[in-house]
PDB file of N, CA and C in Angstrom:
ATOM      1  N   MET A   1     -53.270 -10.326 239.531  1.00  0.00           N
ATOM      2  CA  MET A   1     -52.371  -9.819 238.525  1.00  0.00           C
ATOM      3  C   MET A   1     -52.634  -8.330 238.374  1.00  0.00           C
ATOM      4  N   SER A   2     -51.579  -7.601 238.165  1.00  0.00           N
ATOM      5  CA  SER A   2     -51.723  -6.152 238.030  1.00  0.00           C
ATOM      6  C   SER A   2     -52.292  -5.793 236.658  1.00  0.00           C
ATOM      7  N   ALA A   3     -52.896  -4.635 236.604  1.00  0.00           N
ATOM      8  CA  ALA A   3     -53.443  -4.146 235.339  1.00  0.00           C
ATOM      9  C   ALA A   3     -52.332  -3.933 234.319  1.00  0.00           C
ATOM     10  N   VAL A   4     -51.173  -3.525 234.785  1.00  0.00           N
ATOM     11  CA  VAL A   4     -50.038  -3.300 233.876  1.00  0.00           C
ATOM     12  C   VAL A   4     -49.625  -4.616 233.226  1.00  0.00           C
ATOM     13  N   LEU A   5     -49.515  -5.667 234.043  1.00  0.00           N
ATOM     14  CA  LEU A   5     -49.136  -6.975 233.518  1.00  0.00           C
ATOM     15  C   LEU A   5     -50.219  -7.505 232.587  1.00  0.00           C
ATOM     16  N   ASP A   6     -51.463  -7.356 232.967  1.00  0.00           N
ATOM     17  CA  ASP A   6     -52.583  -7.790 232.135  1.00  0.00           C
ATOM     18  C   ASP A   6     -52.565  -7.090 230.783  1.00  0.00           C
ATOM     19  N   ASN A   7     -52.371  -5.788 230.790  1.00  0.00           N
ATOM     20  CA  ASN A   7     -52.324  -5.029 229.530  1.00  0.00           C
ATOM     21  C   ASN A   7     -51.130  -5.434 228.672  1.00  0.00           C
ATOM     22  N   ALA A   8     -50.007  -5.720 229.307  1.00  0.00           N
ATOM     23  CA  ALA A   8     -48.828  -6.168 228.564  1.00  0.00           C
ATOM     24  C   ALA A   8     -49.090  -7.525 227.916  1.00  0.00           C
ATOM     25  N   MET A   9     -49.791  -8.401 228.619  1.00  0.00           N
ATOM     26  CA  MET A   9     -50.145  -9.705 228.051  1.00  0.00           C
ATOM     27  C   MET A   9     -51.054  -9.552 226.837  1.00  0.00           C
ATOM     28  N   ILE A  10     -52.036  -8.703 226.970  1.00  0.00           N
ATOM     29  CA  ILE A  10     -52.958  -8.463 225.858  1.00  0.00           C
ATOM     30  C   ILE A  10     -52.199  -7.937 224.647  1.00  0.00           C
ATOM     31  N   ALA A  11     -51.315  -6.992 224.872  1.00  0.00           N
ATOM     32  CA  ALA A  11     -50.524  -6.430 223.766  1.00  0.00           C
ATOM     33  C   ALA A  11     -49.636  -7.493 223.139  1.00  0.00           C
ATOM     34  N   ALA A  12     -49.028  -8.347 223.956  1.00  0.00           N
ATOM     35  CA  ALA A  12     -48.158  -9.407 223.434  1.00  0.00           C
ATOM     36  C   ALA A  12     -48.958 -10.415 222.622  1.00  0.00           C
ATOM     37  N   HIS A  13     -50.173 -10.730 223.068  1.00  0.00           N
ATOM     38  CA  HIS A  13     -51.037 -11.633 222.291  1.00  0.00           C
ATOM     39  C   HIS A  13     -51.367 -11.014 220.935  1.00  0.00           C
ATOM     40  N   LYS A  14     -51.747  -9.747 220.955  1.00  0.00           N
ATOM     41  CA  LYS A  14     -52.090  -9.061 219.705  1.00  0.00           C
ATOM     42  C   LYS A  14     -50.917  -9.021 218.745  1.00  0.00           C
ATOM     43  N   ALA A  15     -49.701  -8.868 219.283  1.00  0.00           N
ATOM     44  CA  ALA A  15     -48.495  -8.780 218.458  1.00  0.00           C
ATOM     45  C   ALA A  15     -47.920 -10.157 218.117  1.00  0.00           C
ATOM     46  N   HIS A  16     -48.506 -11.214 218.674  1.00  0.00           N
ATOM     47  CA  HIS A  16     -47.984 -12.577 218.470  1.00  0.00           C
ATOM     48  C   HIS A  16     -46.510 -12.653 218.876  1.00  0.00           C
ATOM     49  N   ASP A  17     -46.186 -12.012 219.991  1.00  0.00           N
ATOM     50  CA  ASP A  17     -44.813 -11.934 220.490  1.00  0.00           C
ATOM     51  C   ASP A  17     -44.564 -13.056 221.495  1.00  0.00           C
ATOM     52  N   SER A  18     -44.090 -14.182 220.997  1.00  0.00           N
ATOM     53  CA  SER A  18     -43.884 -15.360 221.841  1.00  0.00           C
ATOM     54  C   SER A  18     -42.922 -15.105 222.985  1.00  0.00           C
ATOM     55  N   SER A  19     -41.834 -14.416 222.714  1.00  0.00           N
ATOM     56  CA  SER A  19     -40.850 -14.144 223.761  1.00  0.00           C
ATOM     57  C   SER A  19     -41.471 -13.351 224.904  1.00  0.00           C
ATOM     58  N   ALA A  20     -42.231 -12.335 224.558  1.00  0.00           N
ATOM     59  CA  ALA A  20     -42.890 -11.529 225.584  1.00  0.00           C
ATOM     60  C   ALA A  20     -43.932 -12.348 226.335  1.00  0.00           C
ATOM     61  N   LEU A  21     -44.670 -13.186 225.607  1.00  0.00           N
ATOM     62  CA  LEU A  21     -45.687 -14.009 226.264  1.00  0.00           C
ATOM     63  C   LEU A  21     -45.063 -14.961 227.275  1.00  0.00           C
ATOM     64  N   ILE A  22     -43.957 -15.575 226.921  1.00  0.00           N
ATOM     65  CA  ILE A  22     -43.260 -16.471 227.849  1.00  0.00           C
ATOM     66  C   ILE A  22     -42.837 -15.702 229.088  1.00  0.00           C
ATOM     67  N   GLN A  23     -42.225 -14.567 228.871  1.00  0.00           N
ATOM     68  CA  GLN A  23     -41.745 -13.751 229.985  1.00  0.00           C
ATOM     69  C   GLN A  23     -42.899 -13.255 230.862  1.00  0.00           C
ATOM     70  N   LEU A  24     -43.954 -12.772 230.248  1.00  0.00           N
ATOM     71  CA  LEU A  24     -45.069 -12.200 231.000  1.00  0.00           C
ATOM     72  C   LEU A  24     -45.845 -13.254 231.782  1.00  0.00           C
ATOM     73  N   TYR A  25     -46.088 -14.407 231.158  1.00  0.00           N
ATOM     74  CA  TYR A  25     -46.794 -15.467 231.874  1.00  0.00           C
ATOM     75  C   TYR A  25     -45.927 -16.035 232.999  1.00  0.00           C
ATOM     76  N   THR A  26     -44.629 -16.079 232.796  1.00  0.00           N
ATOM     77  CA  THR A  26     -43.728 -16.514 233.863  1.00  0.00           C
ATOM     78  C   THR A  26     -43.774 -15.515 235.021  1.00  0.00           C
ATOM     79  N   LYS A  27     -43.775 -14.239 234.702  1.00  0.00           N
ATOM     80  CA  LYS A  27     -43.859 -13.216 235.741  1.00  0.00           C
ATOM     81  C   LYS A  27     -45.185 -13.318 236.491  1.00  0.00           C
ATOM     82  N   ALA A  28     -46.257 -13.576 235.762  1.00  0.00           N
ATOM     83  CA  ALA A  28     -47.560 -13.741 236.412  1.00  0.00           C
ATOM     84  C   ALA A  28     -47.532 -14.939 237.356  1.00  0.00           C
ATOM     85  N   ALA A  29     -46.885 -16.015 236.932  1.00  0.00           N
ATOM     86  CA  ALA A  29     -46.752 -17.199 237.793  1.00  0.00           C
ATOM     87  C   ALA A  29     -45.954 -16.870 239.043  1.00  0.00           C
ATOM     88  N   ASP A  30     -44.899 -16.109 238.863  1.00  0.00           N
ATOM     89  CA  ASP A  30     -44.026 -15.757 239.989  1.00  0.00           C
ATOM     90  C   ASP A  30     -44.717 -14.851 241.002  1.00  0.00           C
ATOM     91  N   THR A  31     -45.708 -14.102 240.572  1.00  0.00           N
ATOM     92  CA  THR A  31     -46.367 -13.139 241.452  1.00  0.00           C
ATOM     93  C   THR A  31     -47.786 -13.546 241.843  1.00  0.00           C
ATOM     94  N   ALA A  32     -48.216 -14.722 241.410  1.00  0.00           N
ATOM     95  CA  ALA A  32     -49.577 -15.187 241.716  1.00  0.00           C
ATOM     96  C   ALA A  32     -49.745 -15.399 243.222  1.00  0.00           C
ATOM     97  N   ASN A  33     -50.979 -15.264 243.677  1.00  0.00           N
ATOM     98  CA  ASN A  33     -51.286 -15.368 245.103  1.00  0.00           C
ATOM     99  C   ASN A  33     -51.406 -16.795 245.618  1.00  0.00           C
ATOM    100  N   ASP A  34     -51.586 -17.759 244.718  1.00  0.00           N
ATOM    101  CA  ASP A  34     -51.695 -19.144 245.185  1.00  0.00           C
ATOM    102  C   ASP A  34     -51.104 -20.091 244.137  1.00  0.00           C
ATOM    103  N   LEU A  35     -50.903 -21.322 244.558  1.00  0.00           N
ATOM    104  CA  LEU A  35     -50.242 -22.309 243.710  1.00  0.00           C
ATOM    105  C   LEU A  35     -51.047 -22.623 242.459  1.00  0.00           C
ATOM    106  N   ASP A  36     -52.358 -22.746 242.576  1.00  0.00           N
ATOM    107  CA  ASP A  36     -53.171 -23.046 241.399  1.00  0.00           C
ATOM    108  C   ASP A  36     -53.048 -21.950 240.350  1.00  0.00           C
ATOM    109  N   ALA A  37     -53.125 -20.713 240.777  1.00  0.00           N
ATOM    110  CA  ALA A  37     -52.978 -19.604 239.833  1.00  0.00           C
ATOM    111  C   ALA A  37     -51.579 -19.594 239.232  1.00  0.00           C
ATOM    112  N   SER A  38     -50.587 -19.815 240.066  1.00  0.00           N
ATOM    113  CA  SER A  38     -49.211 -19.847 239.585  1.00  0.00           C
ATOM    114  C   SER A  38     -49.039 -20.913 238.511  1.00  0.00           C
ATOM    115  N   CYS A  39     -49.565 -22.103 238.769  1.00  0.00           N
ATOM    116  CA  CYS A  39     -49.418 -23.192 237.802  1.00  0.00           C
ATOM    117  C   CYS A  39     -50.233 -22.940 236.541  1.00  0.00           C
ATOM    118  N   PHE A  40     -51.347 -22.249 236.659  1.00  0.00           N
ATOM    119  CA  PHE A  40     -52.121 -21.858 235.479  1.00  0.00           C
ATOM    120  C   PHE A  40     -51.249 -21.011 234.548  1.00  0.00           C
ATOM    121  N   TYR A  41     -50.603 -20.004 235.103  1.00  0.00           N
ATOM    122  CA  TYR A  41     -49.745 -19.136 234.300  1.00  0.00           C
ATOM    123  C   TYR A  41     -48.498 -19.872 233.814  1.00  0.00           C
ATOM    124  N   LEU A  42     -47.936 -20.731 234.651  1.00  0.00           N
ATOM    125  CA  LEU A  42     -46.772 -21.513 234.233  1.00  0.00           C
ATOM    126  C   LEU A  42     -47.104 -22.399 233.049  1.00  0.00           C
ATOM    127  N   THR A  43     -48.291 -22.996 233.068  1.00  0.00           N
ATOM    128  CA  THR A  43     -48.704 -23.848 231.956  1.00  0.00           C
ATOM    129  C   THR A  43     -48.767 -23.056 230.665  1.00  0.00           C
ATOM    130  N   HIS A  44     -49.305 -21.856 230.736  1.00  0.00           N
ATOM    131  CA  HIS A  44     -49.361 -21.014 229.539  1.00  0.00           C
ATOM    132  C   HIS A  44     -47.958 -20.649 229.064  1.00  0.00           C
ATOM    133  N   ALA A  45     -47.107 -20.260 229.982  1.00  0.00           N
ATOM    134  CA  ALA A  45     -45.726 -19.917 229.614  1.00  0.00           C
ATOM    135  C   ALA A  45     -45.047 -21.115 228.975  1.00  0.00           C
ATOM    136  N   TYR A  46     -45.271 -22.291 229.539  1.00  0.00           N
ATOM    137  CA  TYR A  46     -44.678 -23.522 229.023  1.00  0.00           C
ATOM    138  C   TYR A  46     -45.156 -23.814 227.601  1.00  0.00           C
ATOM    139  N   VAL A  47     -46.448 -23.695 227.361  1.00  0.00           N
ATOM    140  CA  VAL A  47     -46.995 -23.943 226.022  1.00  0.00           C
ATOM    141  C   VAL A  47     -46.412 -22.949 225.007  1.00  0.00           C
ATOM    142  N   PHE A  48     -46.350 -21.688 225.376  1.00  0.00           N
ATOM    143  CA  PHE A  48     -45.769 -20.700 224.460  1.00  0.00           C
ATOM    144  C   PHE A  48     -44.299 -21.014 224.197  1.00  0.00           C
ATOM    145  N   ALA A  49     -43.590 -21.460 225.218  1.00  0.00           N
ATOM    146  CA  ALA A  49     -42.169 -21.810 225.048  1.00  0.00           C
ATOM    147  C   ALA A  49     -42.018 -23.020 224.138  1.00  0.00           C
ATOM    148  N   LEU A  50     -42.880 -24.006 224.302  1.00  0.00           N
ATOM    149  CA  LEU A  50     -42.832 -25.177 223.417  1.00  0.00           C
ATOM    150  C   LEU A  50     -43.110 -24.782 221.981  1.00  0.00           C
ATOM    151  N   GLU A  51     -44.135 -23.973 221.777  1.00  0.00           N
ATOM    152  CA  GLU A  51     -44.497 -23.536 220.427  1.00  0.00           C
ATOM    153  C   GLU A  51     -43.369 -22.757 219.769  1.00  0.00           C
ATOM    154  N   ALA A  52     -42.648 -21.976 220.559  1.00  0.00           N
ATOM    155  CA  ALA A  52     -41.573 -21.140 220.022  1.00  0.00           C
ATOM    156  C   ALA A  52     -40.245 -21.887 219.940  1.00  0.00           C
ATOM    157  N   GLY A  53     -40.191 -23.085 220.509  1.00  0.00           N
ATOM    158  CA  GLY A  53     -38.921 -23.805 220.563  1.00  0.00           C
ATOM    159  C   GLY A  53     -37.919 -23.118 221.471  1.00  0.00           C
ATOM    160  N   ALA A  54     -38.426 -22.422 222.471  1.00  0.00           N
ATOM    161  CA  ALA A  54     -37.576 -21.641 223.375  1.00  0.00           C
ATOM    162  C   ALA A  54     -36.935 -22.544 224.431  1.00  0.00           C
ATOM    163  N   PRO A  55     -35.696 -22.253 224.792  1.00  0.00           N
ATOM    164  CA  PRO A  55     -35.024 -23.044 225.823  1.00  0.00           C
ATOM    165  C   PRO A  55     -35.700 -22.937 227.197  1.00  0.00           C
ATOM    166  N   ASP A  56     -36.520 -21.929 227.397  1.00  0.00           N
ATOM    167  CA  ASP A  56     -37.251 -21.756 228.662  1.00  0.00           C
ATOM    168  C   ASP A  56     -38.175 -22.934 228.948  1.00  0.00           C
ATOM    169  N   ALA A  57     -38.569 -23.668 227.919  1.00  0.00           N
ATOM    170  CA  ALA A  57     -39.525 -24.761 228.085  1.00  0.00           C
ATOM    171  C   ALA A  57     -39.040 -25.765 229.129  1.00  0.00           C
ATOM    172  N   ARG A  58     -37.769 -26.078 229.109  1.00  0.00           N
ATOM    173  CA  ARG A  58     -37.225 -27.046 230.059  1.00  0.00           C
ATOM    174  C   ARG A  58     -37.386 -26.591 231.507  1.00  0.00           C
ATOM    175  N   ARG A  59     -37.040 -25.356 231.760  1.00  0.00           N
ATOM    176  CA  ARG A  59     -37.135 -24.793 233.108  1.00  0.00           C
ATOM    177  C   ARG A  59     -38.591 -24.702 233.561  1.00  0.00           C
ATOM    178  N   LEU A  60     -39.457 -24.292 232.658  1.00  0.00           N
ATOM    179  CA  LEU A  60     -40.872 -24.183 233.002  1.00  0.00           C
ATOM    180  C   LEU A  60     -41.469 -25.559 233.280  1.00  0.00           C
ATOM    181  N   HIS A  61     -41.091 -26.533 232.478  1.00  0.00           N
ATOM    182  CA  HIS A  61     -41.563 -27.895 232.697  1.00  0.00           C
ATOM    183  C   HIS A  61     -41.109 -28.398 234.064  1.00  0.00           C
ATOM    184  N   ALA A  62     -39.869 -28.146 234.406  1.00  0.00           N
ATOM    185  CA  ALA A  62     -39.338 -28.577 235.703  1.00  0.00           C
ATOM    186  C   ALA A  62     -40.138 -27.961 236.850  1.00  0.00           C
ATOM    187  N   ARG A  63     -40.532 -26.723 236.708  1.00  0.00           N
ATOM    188  CA  ARG A  63     -41.338 -26.075 237.752  1.00  0.00           C
ATOM    189  C   ARG A  63     -42.701 -26.744 237.876  1.00  0.00           C
ATOM    190  N   LEU A  64     -43.313 -27.074 236.745  1.00  0.00           N
ATOM    191  CA  LEU A  64     -44.609 -27.749 236.780  1.00  0.00           C
ATOM    192  C   LEU A  64     -44.486 -29.130 237.424  1.00  0.00           C
ATOM    193  N   VAL A  65     -43.414 -29.838 237.114  1.00  0.00           N
ATOM    194  CA  VAL A  65     -43.195 -31.156 237.710  1.00  0.00           C
ATOM    195  C   VAL A  65     -43.037 -31.028 239.219  1.00  0.00           C
ATOM    196  N   ARG A  66     -42.278 -30.037 239.664  1.00  0.00           N
ATOM    197  CA  ARG A  66     -42.078 -29.822 241.108  1.00  0.00           C
ATOM    198  C   ARG A  66     -43.399 -29.614 241.850  1.00  0.00           C
ATOM    199  N   HIS A  67     -44.361 -29.037 241.151  1.00  0.00           N
ATOM    200  CA  HIS A  67     -45.659 -28.757 241.769  1.00  0.00           C
ATOM    201  C   HIS A  67     -46.677 -29.862 241.485  1.00  0.00           C
ATOM    202  N   GLY A  68     -46.218 -30.965 240.914  1.00  0.00           N
ATOM    203  CA  GLY A  68     -47.100 -32.102 240.653  1.00  0.00           C
ATOM    204  C   GLY A  68     -48.099 -31.867 239.545  1.00  0.00           C
ATOM    205  N   ARG A  69     -47.794 -30.944 238.643  1.00  0.00           N
ATOM    206  CA  ARG A  69     -48.747 -30.590 237.571  1.00  0.00           C
ATOM    207  C   ARG A  69     -48.387 -31.213 236.237  1.00  0.00           C
ATOM    208  N   GLU A  70     -47.259 -31.835 236.169  1.00  0.00           N
ATOM    209  CA  GLU A  70     -46.798 -32.422 234.904  1.00  0.00           C
ATOM    210  C   GLU A  70     -45.958 -33.629 235.257  1.00  0.00           C
ATOM    211  N   ALA A  71     -46.047 -34.654 234.453  1.00  0.00           N
ATOM    212  CA  ALA A  71     -45.268 -35.887 234.717  1.00  0.00           C
ATOM    213  C   ALA A  71     -43.950 -35.854 233.974  1.00  0.00           C
TER     214      ALA A  71
END
């Protein structure tokens, strides 16, 4: 993960910005070097989406299911 993305995540956590956290963790998943790392970030994005009641939760869940990480 790039330092820019990492710093943006830290700032979003500090600001309790759920929308940014969903977007940033999804971006981290999309740019991860391996499937395990990608699914780690997807899981975080999914949890933030569930907590926020965001429509992204469905899409994120589907991605986790495709990778065998969620039933």
